[in-house]
């Protein structure tokens, strides 16, 4: 009779080898239900904060700050959705040329962010800015991105929640035609539902993904709706306490398993520049902490378009909305 004896020492070492080789992936994955995390940033139109973009020297300072941040994210293998208004894009067209391109592999910075760093590029529009005397819209932003050589995502990078009518999100259910030409942009994903000026703590800080039903039932899922909302989580929380609390609840089985959870962290681009080295180092510390959580299996880096595909394929498009105070 033949006996096969398994040595605990050999077995444990085989486990270690399989883990290190990536054969079994991350053994500490949080209940097979990590939180999908995205880094976001905006620039805006307001002259008092972004008027420097109209001048070459000011634009180049802004560009260098953004470029340093983006390269840092790439070093940490983070996922990033860069969301831009018109003012910055027009300055790219005007000033991103010649020797300026040497730091971005001969490409303008918009192309570099997408093609070389692999980040998502989303339109962001308050629909209060003027170009040639006309108030432009999201489609105008998308058109400008294409003019700079990048196909924009289908993500609406911010909008006002009901009862505000000025930015009624339901309008995004139909293709949007540009004001300045006949270019058409058809959004598919909503992100960043907010109150005007982010006042009174009325932004939507939900985590998860669902298809909003209608203006008066935004948080209700309608499987027949054609827009998908990706929840931000507590996107202004640089302490990461909100995220840690969410991860703990998942680990302790206090939240439904096999549902998708999302979190975003937003970098304000002019704040990064104005804050100088101190602000950059603060963000690098945050990203380093998040990267450790990735290696521990608690979170997964994911872009907004990417996480929607994960939601459809891995979670069967099962809606989920988790809301906790920030």
C-alpha atoms as a PDB file:
ATOM      1  CA  UNK A   1       0.000   0.000   0.000  1.00  0.00           C
ATOM      2  CA  UNK A   2       1.337   3.388  -0.936  1.00  0.00           C
ATOM      3  CA  UNK A   3       1.052   6.250   1.579  1.00  0.00           C
ATOM      4  CA  UNK A   4       1.494   9.862   0.546  1.00  0.00           C
ATOM      5  CA  UNK A   5       2.672  12.148   3.315  1.00  0.00           C
ATOM      6  CA  UNK A   6       2.279  15.946   3.071  1.00  0.00           C
ATOM      7  CA  UNK A   7       4.886  17.876   4.987  1.00  0.00           C
ATOM      8  CA  UNK A   8       3.401  21.009   6.633  1.00  0.00           C
ATOM      9  CA  UNK A   9       6.687  22.762   5.925  1.00  0.00           C
ATOM     10  CA  UNK A  10       6.515  21.942   2.200  1.00  0.00           C
ATOM     11  CA  UNK A  11       2.813  22.820   2.036  1.00  0.00           C
ATOM     12  CA  UNK A  12       3.264  26.206   3.731  1.00  0.00           C
ATOM     13  CA  UNK A  13       6.181  27.045   1.497  1.00  0.00           C
ATOM     14  CA  UNK A  14       4.130  26.134  -1.563  1.00  0.00           C
ATOM     15  CA  UNK A  15       1.423  28.518  -0.351  1.00  0.00           C
ATOM     16  CA  UNK A  16       4.017  31.247  -0.003  1.00  0.00           C
ATOM     17  CA  UNK A  17       5.387  30.567  -3.472  1.00  0.00           C
ATOM     18  CA  UNK A  18       1.939  30.623  -5.028  1.00  0.00           C
ATOM     19  CA  UNK A  19       1.146  33.904  -3.271  1.00  0.00           C
ATOM     20  CA  UNK A  20       4.398  35.581  -4.263  1.00  0.00           C
ATOM     21  CA  UNK A  21       4.060  34.421  -7.867  1.00  0.00           C
ATOM     22  CA  UNK A  22       0.551  35.836  -8.037  1.00  0.00           C
ATOM     23  CA  UNK A  23      -0.898  32.396  -8.838  1.00  0.00           C
ATOM     24  CA  UNK A  24      -3.591  32.762  -6.197  1.00  0.00           C
ATOM     25  CA  UNK A  25      -3.807  36.535  -6.253  1.00  0.00           C
ATOM     26  CA  UNK A  26      -4.168  38.381  -2.974  1.00  0.00           C
ATOM     27  CA  UNK A  27      -5.055  35.962  -0.180  1.00  0.00           C
ATOM     28  CA  UNK A  28      -6.289  38.809   2.035  1.00  0.00           C
ATOM     29  CA  UNK A  29      -8.965  40.073  -0.338  1.00  0.00           C
ATOM     30  CA  UNK A  30     -11.704  41.611   1.805  1.00  0.00           C
ATOM     31  CA  UNK A  31     -14.474  38.983   1.634  1.00  0.00           C
ATOM     32  CA  UNK A  32     -14.026  38.967  -2.163  1.00  0.00           C
ATOM     33  CA  UNK A  33     -15.632  42.401  -1.905  1.00  0.00           C
ATOM     34  CA  UNK A  34     -13.036  45.174  -1.972  1.00  0.00           C
ATOM     35  CA  UNK A  35     -13.848  48.839  -2.357  1.00  0.00           C
ATOM     36  CA  UNK A  36     -13.145  50.215  -5.844  1.00  0.00           C
ATOM     37  CA  UNK A  37     -11.240  53.486  -5.503  1.00  0.00           C
ATOM     38  CA  UNK A  38     -10.703  56.299  -8.008  1.00  0.00           C
ATOM     39  CA  UNK A  39      -8.654  59.492  -7.799  1.00  0.00           C
ATOM     40  CA  UNK A  40     -10.444  62.466  -9.390  1.00  0.00           C
ATOM     41  CA  UNK A  41      -9.446  66.043 -10.140  1.00  0.00           C
ATOM     42  CA  UNK A  42     -11.159  69.103 -11.562  1.00  0.00           C
ATOM     43  CA  UNK A  43     -10.182  72.422 -13.000  1.00  0.00           C
ATOM     44  CA  UNK A  44     -12.746  75.196 -13.328  1.00  0.00           C
ATOM     45  CA  UNK A  45     -13.659  78.333 -15.267  1.00  0.00           C
ATOM     46  CA  UNK A  46     -13.743  80.951 -12.520  1.00  0.00           C
ATOM     47  CA  UNK A  47     -11.388  83.808 -13.398  1.00  0.00           C
ATOM     48  CA  UNK A  48     -10.547  84.562  -9.760  1.00  0.00           C
ATOM     49  CA  UNK A  49      -9.026  81.092  -9.377  1.00  0.00           C
ATOM     50  CA  UNK A  50      -8.121  80.040 -12.914  1.00  0.00           C
ATOM     51  CA  UNK A  51      -7.457  83.284 -14.754  1.00  0.00           C
ATOM     52  CA  UNK A  52      -3.739  82.403 -14.762  1.00  0.00           C
ATOM     53  CA  UNK A  53      -4.503  79.779 -17.406  1.00  0.00           C
ATOM     54  CA  UNK A  54      -5.015  82.551 -19.961  1.00  0.00           C
ATOM     55  CA  UNK A  55      -1.307  83.434 -19.824  1.00  0.00           C
ATOM     56  CA  UNK A  56       1.555  81.194 -20.878  1.00  0.00           C
ATOM     57  CA  UNK A  57       3.555  81.518 -17.669  1.00  0.00           C
ATOM     58  CA  UNK A  58       0.537  80.782 -15.480  1.00  0.00           C
ATOM     59  CA  UNK A  59      -0.562  77.906 -17.692  1.00  0.00           C
ATOM     60  CA  UNK A  60       2.881  76.281 -17.615  1.00  0.00           C
ATOM     61  CA  UNK A  61       3.009  76.487 -13.814  1.00  0.00           C
ATOM     62  CA  UNK A  62      -0.398  74.822 -13.671  1.00  0.00           C
ATOM     63  CA  UNK A  63       0.639  72.198 -16.244  1.00  0.00           C
ATOM     64  CA  UNK A  64       3.809  71.298 -14.357  1.00  0.00           C
ATOM     65  CA  UNK A  65       1.871  70.860 -11.118  1.00  0.00           C
ATOM     66  CA  UNK A  66      -0.705  68.607 -12.787  1.00  0.00           C
ATOM     67  CA  UNK A  67       1.981  66.631 -14.603  1.00  0.00           C
ATOM     68  CA  UNK A  68       3.934  65.970 -11.425  1.00  0.00           C
ATOM     69  CA  UNK A  69       0.772  64.766  -9.679  1.00  0.00           C
ATOM     70  CA  UNK A  70      -0.206  62.480 -12.577  1.00  0.00           C
ATOM     71  CA  UNK A  71       3.259  60.926 -12.801  1.00  0.00           C
ATOM     72  CA  UNK A  72       3.183  60.304  -9.048  1.00  0.00           C
ATOM     73  CA  UNK A  73      -0.156  58.495  -9.410  1.00  0.00           C
ATOM     74  CA  UNK A  74       1.266  56.339 -12.188  1.00  0.00           C
ATOM     75  CA  UNK A  75       4.246  55.420 -10.004  1.00  0.00           C
ATOM     76  CA  UNK A  76       1.819  54.099  -7.396  1.00  0.00           C
ATOM     77  CA  UNK A  77      -0.294  52.365 -10.070  1.00  0.00           C
ATOM     78  CA  UNK A  78      -3.337  54.403  -9.032  1.00  0.00           C
ATOM     79  CA  UNK A  79      -6.321  54.992 -11.322  1.00  0.00           C
ATOM     80  CA  UNK A  80      -7.244  58.565 -12.172  1.00  0.00           C
ATOM     81  CA  UNK A  81     -10.135  60.337 -13.872  1.00  0.00           C
ATOM     82  CA  UNK A  82      -9.000  63.776 -14.994  1.00  0.00           C
ATOM     83  CA  UNK A  83     -12.010  66.059 -15.520  1.00  0.00           C
ATOM     84  CA  UNK A  84     -11.517  69.352 -17.343  1.00  0.00           C
ATOM     85  CA  UNK A  85     -13.441  72.520 -18.080  1.00  0.00           C
ATOM     86  CA  UNK A  86     -13.010  74.551 -21.269  1.00  0.00           C
ATOM     87  CA  UNK A  87     -10.544  77.169 -20.018  1.00  0.00           C
ATOM     88  CA  UNK A  88      -7.713  74.697 -19.452  1.00  0.00           C
ATOM     89  CA  UNK A  89      -8.363  72.924 -22.765  1.00  0.00           C
ATOM     90  CA  UNK A  90      -8.187  76.153 -24.742  1.00  0.00           C
ATOM     91  CA  UNK A  91      -4.885  76.939 -23.048  1.00  0.00           C
ATOM     92  CA  UNK A  92      -3.565  73.496 -23.980  1.00  0.00           C
ATOM     93  CA  UNK A  93      -4.359  74.271 -27.603  1.00  0.00           C
ATOM     94  CA  UNK A  94      -2.669  77.653 -27.326  1.00  0.00           C
ATOM     95  CA  UNK A  95       0.438  76.909 -25.252  1.00  0.00           C
ATOM     96  CA  UNK A  96       1.161  73.143 -25.388  1.00  0.00           C
ATOM     97  CA  UNK A  97       3.668  73.149 -28.233  1.00  0.00           C
ATOM     98  CA  UNK A  98       7.369  73.216 -29.047  1.00  0.00           C
ATOM     99  CA  UNK A  99       9.768  72.482 -26.192  1.00  0.00           C
ATOM    100  CA  UNK A 100       6.845  72.297 -23.721  1.00  0.00           C
ATOM    101  CA  UNK A 101       6.075  68.836 -25.130  1.00  0.00           C
ATOM    102  CA  UNK A 102       9.484  67.440 -24.169  1.00  0.00           C
ATOM    103  CA  UNK A 103       8.166  66.489 -20.708  1.00  0.00           C
ATOM    104  CA  UNK A 104       5.196  64.590 -22.160  1.00  0.00           C
ATOM    105  CA  UNK A 105       6.797  62.454 -24.884  1.00  0.00           C
ATOM    106  CA  UNK A 106       6.072  64.971 -27.641  1.00  0.00           C
ATOM    107  CA  UNK A 107       2.337  65.074 -26.902  1.00  0.00           C
ATOM    108  CA  UNK A 108       0.050  67.654 -25.388  1.00  0.00           C
ATOM    109  CA  UNK A 109      -0.746  66.932 -21.761  1.00  0.00           C
ATOM    110  CA  UNK A 110      -4.277  65.681 -22.475  1.00  0.00           C
ATOM    111  CA  UNK A 111      -2.975  63.019 -24.867  1.00  0.00           C
ATOM    112  CA  UNK A 112      -0.160  62.164 -22.456  1.00  0.00           C
ATOM    113  CA  UNK A 113      -2.564  61.587 -19.567  1.00  0.00           C
ATOM    114  CA  UNK A 114      -4.629  59.153 -21.605  1.00  0.00           C
ATOM    115  CA  UNK A 115      -2.217  57.521 -24.044  1.00  0.00           C
ATOM    116  CA  UNK A 116       0.958  57.299 -21.963  1.00  0.00           C
ATOM    117  CA  UNK A 117      -0.329  57.121 -18.393  1.00  0.00           C
ATOM    118  CA  UNK A 118      -3.536  55.234 -19.189  1.00  0.00           C
ATOM    119  CA  UNK A 119      -5.874  57.557 -17.283  1.00  0.00           C
ATOM    120  CA  UNK A 120      -9.491  58.372 -18.142  1.00  0.00           C
ATOM    121  CA  UNK A 121     -10.347  61.847 -19.464  1.00  0.00           C
ATOM    122  CA  UNK A 122     -13.834  63.173 -18.669  1.00  0.00           C
ATOM    123  CA  UNK A 123     -15.672  66.387 -19.564  1.00  0.00           C
ATOM    124  CA  UNK A 124     -16.478  68.632 -16.594  1.00  0.00           C
ATOM    125  CA  UNK A 125     -18.805  71.575 -17.133  1.00  0.00           C
ATOM    126  CA  UNK A 126     -20.750  74.002 -14.954  1.00  0.00           C
ATOM    127  CA  UNK A 127     -22.468  75.352 -18.069  1.00  0.00           C
ATOM    128  CA  UNK A 128     -21.906  78.933 -16.983  1.00  0.00           C
ATOM    129  CA  UNK A 129     -18.790  79.692 -19.042  1.00  0.00           C
ATOM    130  CA  UNK A 130     -18.762  81.681 -22.259  1.00  0.00           C
ATOM    131  CA  UNK A 131     -16.884  81.055 -25.500  1.00  0.00           C
ATOM    132  CA  UNK A 132     -17.418  83.550 -28.322  1.00  0.00           C
ATOM    133  CA  UNK A 133     -20.370  84.983 -26.407  1.00  0.00           C
ATOM    134  CA  UNK A 134     -22.151  81.630 -26.044  1.00  0.00           C
ATOM    135  CA  UNK A 135     -22.659  79.514 -22.908  1.00  0.00           C
ATOM    136  CA  UNK A 136     -21.108  76.183 -23.831  1.00  0.00           C
ATOM    137  CA  UNK A 137     -22.138  72.755 -22.577  1.00  0.00           C
ATOM    138  CA  UNK A 138     -20.745  69.283 -21.946  1.00  0.00           C
ATOM    139  CA  UNK A 139     -20.697  68.431 -25.655  1.00  0.00           C
ATOM    140  CA  UNK A 140     -18.523  71.482 -26.355  1.00  0.00           C
ATOM    141  CA  UNK A 141     -16.019  70.213 -23.771  1.00  0.00           C
ATOM    142  CA  UNK A 142     -16.044  66.738 -25.339  1.00  0.00           C
ATOM    143  CA  UNK A 143     -15.518  68.265 -28.781  1.00  0.00           C
ATOM    144  CA  UNK A 144     -12.534  70.276 -27.543  1.00  0.00           C
ATOM    145  CA  UNK A 145     -10.983  67.111 -26.103  1.00  0.00           C
ATOM    146  CA  UNK A 146     -11.319  65.411 -29.486  1.00  0.00           C
ATOM    147  CA  UNK A 147      -9.766  68.454 -31.149  1.00  0.00           C
ATOM    148  CA  UNK A 148      -6.774  67.929 -28.856  1.00  0.00           C
ATOM    149  CA  UNK A 149      -6.501  64.324 -30.019  1.00  0.00           C
ATOM    150  CA  UNK A 150      -8.349  62.423 -27.275  1.00  0.00           C
ATOM    151  CA  UNK A 151     -11.665  60.597 -27.413  1.00  0.00           C
ATOM    152  CA  UNK A 152     -13.334  61.609 -24.131  1.00  0.00           C
ATOM    153  CA  UNK A 153     -15.054  59.166 -21.839  1.00  0.00           C
ATOM    154  CA  UNK A 154     -18.829  58.957 -21.551  1.00  0.00           C
ATOM    155  CA  UNK A 155     -18.681  60.217 -17.945  1.00  0.00           C
ATOM    156  CA  UNK A 156     -20.567  63.321 -16.814  1.00  0.00           C
ATOM    157  CA  UNK A 157     -17.979  64.776 -14.444  1.00  0.00           C
ATOM    158  CA  UNK A 158     -20.313  66.514 -11.993  1.00  0.00           C
ATOM    159  CA  UNK A 159     -23.912  67.767 -11.980  1.00  0.00           C
ATOM    160  CA  UNK A 160     -26.472  69.329  -9.653  1.00  0.00           C
ATOM    161  CA  UNK A 161     -28.890  67.148  -7.763  1.00  0.00           C
ATOM    162  CA  UNK A 162     -32.645  67.813  -7.492  1.00  0.00           C
ATOM    163  CA  UNK A 163     -34.397  70.046  -6.703  1.00  0.00           C
ATOM    164  CA  UNK A 164     -32.022  72.174  -8.793  1.00  0.00           C
ATOM    165  CA  UNK A 165     -33.377  72.442 -12.346  1.00  0.00           C
ATOM    166  CA  UNK A 166     -30.495  74.329 -13.918  1.00  0.00           C
ATOM    167  CA  UNK A 167     -28.491  71.120 -14.295  1.00  0.00           C
ATOM    168  CA  UNK A 168     -31.311  68.598 -14.499  1.00  0.00           C
ATOM    169  CA  UNK A 169     -29.416  65.306 -14.805  1.00  0.00           C
ATOM    170  CA  UNK A 170     -32.226  63.710 -16.819  1.00  0.00           C
ATOM    171  CA  UNK A 171     -31.167  65.745 -19.844  1.00  0.00           C
ATOM    172  CA  UNK A 172     -28.114  63.479 -20.080  1.00  0.00           C
ATOM    173  CA  UNK A 173     -30.402  60.590 -21.005  1.00  0.00           C
ATOM    174  CA  UNK A 174     -30.450  62.083 -24.509  1.00  0.00           C
ATOM    175  CA  UNK A 175     -27.470  62.886 -26.757  1.00  0.00           C
ATOM    176  CA  UNK A 176     -26.143  66.392 -26.072  1.00  0.00           C
ATOM    177  CA  UNK A 177     -25.508  68.707 -29.032  1.00  0.00           C
ATOM    178  CA  UNK A 178     -22.757  71.290 -28.694  1.00  0.00           C
ATOM    179  CA  UNK A 179     -23.602  74.982 -28.635  1.00  0.00           C
ATOM    180  CA  UNK A 180     -20.667  76.064 -30.790  1.00  0.00           C
ATOM    181  CA  UNK A 181     -21.109  73.457 -33.540  1.00  0.00           C
ATOM    182  CA  UNK A 182     -23.163  70.353 -34.357  1.00  0.00           C
ATOM    183  CA  UNK A 183     -20.936  67.888 -32.456  1.00  0.00           C
ATOM    184  CA  UNK A 184     -22.957  65.328 -30.468  1.00  0.00           C
ATOM    185  CA  UNK A 185     -21.847  63.646 -27.233  1.00  0.00           C
ATOM    186  CA  UNK A 186     -23.826  60.823 -25.631  1.00  0.00           C
ATOM    187  CA  UNK A 187     -23.057  60.315 -21.926  1.00  0.00           C
ATOM    188  CA  UNK A 188     -23.568  56.966 -20.209  1.00  0.00           C
ATOM    189  CA  UNK A 189     -22.216  57.446 -16.687  1.00  0.00           C
ATOM    190  CA  UNK A 190     -22.977  60.039 -14.006  1.00  0.00           C
ATOM    191  CA  UNK A 191     -20.527  60.944 -11.253  1.00  0.00           C
ATOM    192  CA  UNK A 192     -20.414  63.690  -8.625  1.00  0.00           C
ATOM    193  CA  UNK A 193     -24.004  64.603  -7.787  1.00  0.00           C
ATOM    194  CA  UNK A 194     -23.750  67.800  -5.737  1.00  0.00           C
ATOM    195  CA  UNK A 195     -25.533  70.789  -4.274  1.00  0.00           C
ATOM    196  CA  UNK A 196     -24.616  74.242  -5.662  1.00  0.00           C
ATOM    197  CA  UNK A 197     -21.218  75.219  -4.291  1.00  0.00           C
ATOM    198  CA  UNK A 198     -21.157  71.947  -2.293  1.00  0.00           C
ATOM    199  CA  UNK A 199     -23.125  73.803   0.385  1.00  0.00           C
ATOM    200  CA  UNK A 200     -25.105  72.587   3.385  1.00  0.00           C
ATOM    201  CA  UNK A 201     -23.664  69.066   3.219  1.00  0.00           C
ATOM    202  CA  UNK A 202     -26.222  68.147   0.559  1.00  0.00           C
ATOM    203  CA  UNK A 203     -23.858  66.440  -1.882  1.00  0.00           C
ATOM    204  CA  UNK A 204     -24.544  62.765  -2.522  1.00  0.00           C
ATOM    205  CA  UNK A 205     -21.801  60.831  -0.708  1.00  0.00           C
ATOM    206  CA  UNK A 206     -23.191  57.392  -1.498  1.00  0.00           C
ATOM    207  CA  UNK A 207     -20.985  54.441  -2.304  1.00  0.00           C
ATOM    208  CA  UNK A 208     -22.024  51.912  -4.936  1.00  0.00           C
ATOM    209  CA  UNK A 209     -23.537  51.879  -8.418  1.00  0.00           C
ATOM    210  CA  UNK A 210     -27.120  52.020  -9.662  1.00  0.00           C
ATOM    211  CA  UNK A 211     -29.327  53.399 -12.438  1.00  0.00           C
ATOM    212  CA  UNK A 212     -31.243  56.457 -11.085  1.00  0.00           C
ATOM    213  CA  UNK A 213     -34.972  56.247 -11.680  1.00  0.00           C
ATOM    214  CA  UNK A 214     -36.022  59.869 -12.164  1.00  0.00           C
ATOM    215  CA  UNK A 215     -35.614  63.420 -10.884  1.00  0.00           C
ATOM    216  CA  UNK A 216     -37.560  62.813  -7.695  1.00  0.00           C
ATOM    217  CA  UNK A 217     -36.243  59.282  -7.074  1.00  0.00           C
ATOM    218  CA  UNK A 218     -32.564  59.676  -7.824  1.00  0.00           C
ATOM    219  CA  UNK A 219     -31.427  57.096  -5.256  1.00  0.00           C
ATOM    220  CA  UNK A 220     -33.850  54.436  -6.508  1.00  0.00           C
ATOM    221  CA  UNK A 221     -32.666  51.898  -9.077  1.00  0.00           C
ATOM    222  CA  UNK A 222     -34.452  51.466 -12.402  1.00  0.00           C
ATOM    223  CA  UNK A 223     -32.997  48.652 -14.474  1.00  0.00           C
ATOM    224  CA  UNK A 224     -34.491  50.178 -17.621  1.00  0.00           C
ATOM    225  CA  UNK A 225     -32.816  53.571 -17.145  1.00  0.00           C
ATOM    226  CA  UNK A 226     -29.946  54.283 -19.522  1.00  0.00           C
ATOM    227  CA  UNK A 227     -27.705  56.281 -17.152  1.00  0.00           C
ATOM    228  CA  UNK A 228     -25.473  54.680 -14.523  1.00  0.00           C
ATOM    229  CA  UNK A 229     -24.431  56.507 -11.378  1.00  0.00           C
ATOM    230  CA  UNK A 230     -21.104  55.754  -9.685  1.00  0.00           C
ATOM    231  CA  UNK A 231     -21.144  56.828  -6.042  1.00  0.00           C
ATOM    232  CA  UNK A 232     -18.335  59.037  -4.779  1.00  0.00           C
ATOM    233  CA  UNK A 233     -18.227  57.991  -1.146  1.00  0.00           C
ATOM    234  CA  UNK A 234     -16.844  60.690   1.153  1.00  0.00           C
ATOM    235  CA  UNK A 235     -14.610  62.178  -1.526  1.00  0.00           C
ATOM    236  CA  UNK A 236     -13.271  65.116   0.545  1.00  0.00           C
ATOM    237  CA  UNK A 237     -12.040  62.916   3.435  1.00  0.00           C
ATOM    238  CA  UNK A 238      -8.250  62.982   3.254  1.00  0.00           C
ATOM    239  CA  UNK A 239      -7.991  61.218   6.622  1.00  0.00           C
ATOM    240  CA  UNK A 240      -9.310  58.011   5.012  1.00  0.00           C
ATOM    241  CA  UNK A 241     -11.401  57.348   8.125  1.00  0.00           C
ATOM    242  CA  UNK A 242     -14.610  57.005   6.111  1.00  0.00           C
ATOM    243  CA  UNK A 243     -12.971  54.453   3.812  1.00  0.00           C
ATOM    244  CA  UNK A 244     -11.490  52.532   6.749  1.00  0.00           C
ATOM    245  CA  UNK A 245     -14.931  52.376   8.355  1.00  0.00           C
ATOM    246  CA  UNK A 246     -16.453  51.006   5.143  1.00  0.00           C
ATOM    247  CA  UNK A 247     -13.740  48.361   4.810  1.00  0.00           C
ATOM    248  CA  UNK A 248     -14.229  47.322   8.453  1.00  0.00           C
ATOM    249  CA  UNK A 249     -17.979  46.915   7.953  1.00  0.00           C
ATOM    250  CA  UNK A 250     -17.385  44.709   4.916  1.00  0.00           C
ATOM    251  CA  UNK A 251     -14.890  42.553   6.821  1.00  0.00           C
ATOM    252  CA  UNK A 252     -17.241  42.217   9.798  1.00  0.00           C
ATOM    253  CA  UNK A 253     -20.180  41.146   7.605  1.00  0.00           C
ATOM    254  CA  UNK A 254     -22.150  44.253   8.555  1.00  0.00           C
ATOM    255  CA  UNK A 255     -22.874  45.035   4.904  1.00  0.00           C
ATOM    256  CA  UNK A 256     -24.320  42.873   2.122  1.00  0.00           C
ATOM    257  CA  UNK A 257     -21.701  40.648   0.485  1.00  0.00           C
ATOM    258  CA  UNK A 258     -21.174  40.358  -3.258  1.00  0.00           C
ATOM    259  CA  UNK A 259     -22.230  43.950  -3.839  1.00  0.00           C
ATOM    260  CA  UNK A 260     -20.089  46.691  -5.312  1.00  0.00           C
ATOM    261  CA  UNK A 261     -18.695  49.512  -3.152  1.00  0.00           C
ATOM    262  CA  UNK A 262     -16.997  52.604  -4.555  1.00  0.00           C
ATOM    263  CA  UNK A 263     -15.025  55.557  -3.229  1.00  0.00           C
ATOM    264  CA  UNK A 264     -13.452  58.599  -4.878  1.00  0.00           C
ATOM    265  CA  UNK A 265     -10.906  61.089  -3.592  1.00  0.00           C
ATOM    266  CA  UNK A 266     -10.799  64.486  -5.249  1.00  0.00           C
ATOM    267  CA  UNK A 267      -7.760  66.678  -5.770  1.00  0.00           C
ATOM    268  CA  UNK A 268      -8.543  70.361  -6.414  1.00  0.00           C
ATOM    269  CA  UNK A 269      -6.020  71.362  -9.053  1.00  0.00           C
ATOM    270  CA  UNK A 270      -5.462  75.000  -8.141  1.00  0.00           C
ATOM    271  CA  UNK A 271      -5.207  74.052  -4.455  1.00  0.00           C
ATOM    272  CA  UNK A 272      -2.430  71.622  -5.360  1.00  0.00           C
ATOM    273  CA  UNK A 273      -0.500  74.345  -7.173  1.00  0.00           C
ATOM    274  CA  UNK A 274      -1.071  77.017  -4.531  1.00  0.00           C
ATOM    275  CA  UNK A 275      -0.140  74.609  -1.739  1.00  0.00           C
ATOM    276  CA  UNK A 276       3.273  73.938  -3.255  1.00  0.00           C
ATOM    277  CA  UNK A 277       5.499  71.183  -1.898  1.00  0.00           C
ATOM    278  CA  UNK A 278       3.449  70.744   1.257  1.00  0.00           C
ATOM    279  CA  UNK A 279       0.284  69.998  -0.713  1.00  0.00           C
ATOM    280  CA  UNK A 280       2.055  67.615  -3.080  1.00  0.00           C
ATOM    281  CA  UNK A 281       3.644  65.686  -0.214  1.00  0.00           C
ATOM    282  CA  UNK A 282       0.274  65.444   1.540  1.00  0.00           C
ATOM    283  CA  UNK A 283      -1.231  63.870  -1.547  1.00  0.00           C
ATOM    284  CA  UNK A 284       1.691  61.514  -2.067  1.00  0.00           C
ATOM    285  CA  UNK A 285       1.248  60.347   1.524  1.00  0.00           C
ATOM    286  CA  UNK A 286      -2.474  59.720   0.902  1.00  0.00           C
ATOM    287  CA  UNK A 287      -1.765  57.768  -2.273  1.00  0.00           C
ATOM    288  CA  UNK A 288       0.916  55.718  -0.495  1.00  0.00           C
ATOM    289  CA  UNK A 289      -1.584  54.796   2.236  1.00  0.00           C
ATOM    290  CA  UNK A 290      -4.159  53.811  -0.372  1.00  0.00           C
ATOM    291  CA  UNK A 291      -1.563  51.722  -2.214  1.00  0.00           C
ATOM    292  CA  UNK A 292      -0.886  49.777   0.968  1.00  0.00           C
ATOM    293  CA  UNK A 293      -4.609  49.073   1.223  1.00  0.00           C
ATOM    294  CA  UNK A 294      -4.478  47.722  -2.340  1.00  0.00           C
ATOM    295  CA  UNK A 295      -1.680  45.308  -1.383  1.00  0.00           C
ATOM    296  CA  UNK A 296      -3.650  44.287   1.707  1.00  0.00           C
ATOM    297  CA  UNK A 297      -6.633  43.416  -0.490  1.00  0.00           C
ATOM    298  CA  UNK A 298      -8.999  45.987   1.010  1.00  0.00           C
ATOM    299  CA  UNK A 299      -9.346  48.196  -2.071  1.00  0.00           C
ATOM    300  CA  UNK A 300      -8.807  48.006  -5.822  1.00  0.00           C
ATOM    301  CA  UNK A 301      -7.746  50.930  -8.010  1.00  0.00           C
ATOM    302  CA  UNK A 302     -10.290  51.514 -10.765  1.00  0.00           C
ATOM    303  CA  UNK A 303     -11.266  54.264 -13.206  1.00  0.00           C
ATOM    304  CA  UNK A 304     -14.926  55.260 -13.413  1.00  0.00           C
ATOM    305  CA  UNK A 305     -15.608  53.678 -16.811  1.00  0.00           C
ATOM    306  CA  UNK A 306     -13.625  50.650 -15.730  1.00  0.00           C
ATOM    307  CA  UNK A 307     -15.593  50.130 -12.513  1.00  0.00           C
ATOM    308  CA  UNK A 308     -18.878  50.254 -14.413  1.00  0.00           C
ATOM    309  CA  UNK A 309     -17.659  47.350 -16.576  1.00  0.00           C
ATOM    310  CA  UNK A 310     -16.621  45.476 -13.418  1.00  0.00           C
ATOM    311  CA  UNK A 311     -20.095  46.118 -11.975  1.00  0.00           C
ATOM    312  CA  UNK A 312     -21.722  44.630 -15.063  1.00  0.00           C
ATOM    313  CA  UNK A 313     -19.463  41.588 -15.461  1.00  0.00           C
ATOM    314  CA  UNK A 314     -18.507  40.647 -11.900  1.00  0.00           C
ATOM    315  CA  UNK A 315     -21.582  41.796  -9.990  1.00  0.00           C
ATOM    316  CA  UNK A 316     -24.233  41.165 -12.639  1.00  0.00           C
ATOM    317  CA  UNK A 317     -25.193  44.858 -12.591  1.00  0.00           C
ATOM    318  CA  UNK A 318     -26.782  44.309  -9.163  1.00  0.00           C
ATOM    319  CA  UNK A 319     -27.536  47.781  -7.756  1.00  0.00           C
ATOM    320  CA  UNK A 320     -26.033  48.853  -4.477  1.00  0.00           C
ATOM    321  CA  UNK A 321     -26.170  52.103  -2.503  1.00  0.00           C
ATOM    322  CA  UNK A 322     -24.383  52.496   0.808  1.00  0.00           C
ATOM    323  CA  UNK A 323     -24.660  55.842   2.597  1.00  0.00           C
ATOM    324  CA  UNK A 324     -22.903  56.844   5.799  1.00  0.00           C
ATOM    325  CA  UNK A 325     -22.138  60.282   7.200  1.00  0.00           C
ATOM    326  CA  UNK A 326     -18.810  61.847   6.305  1.00  0.00           C
END
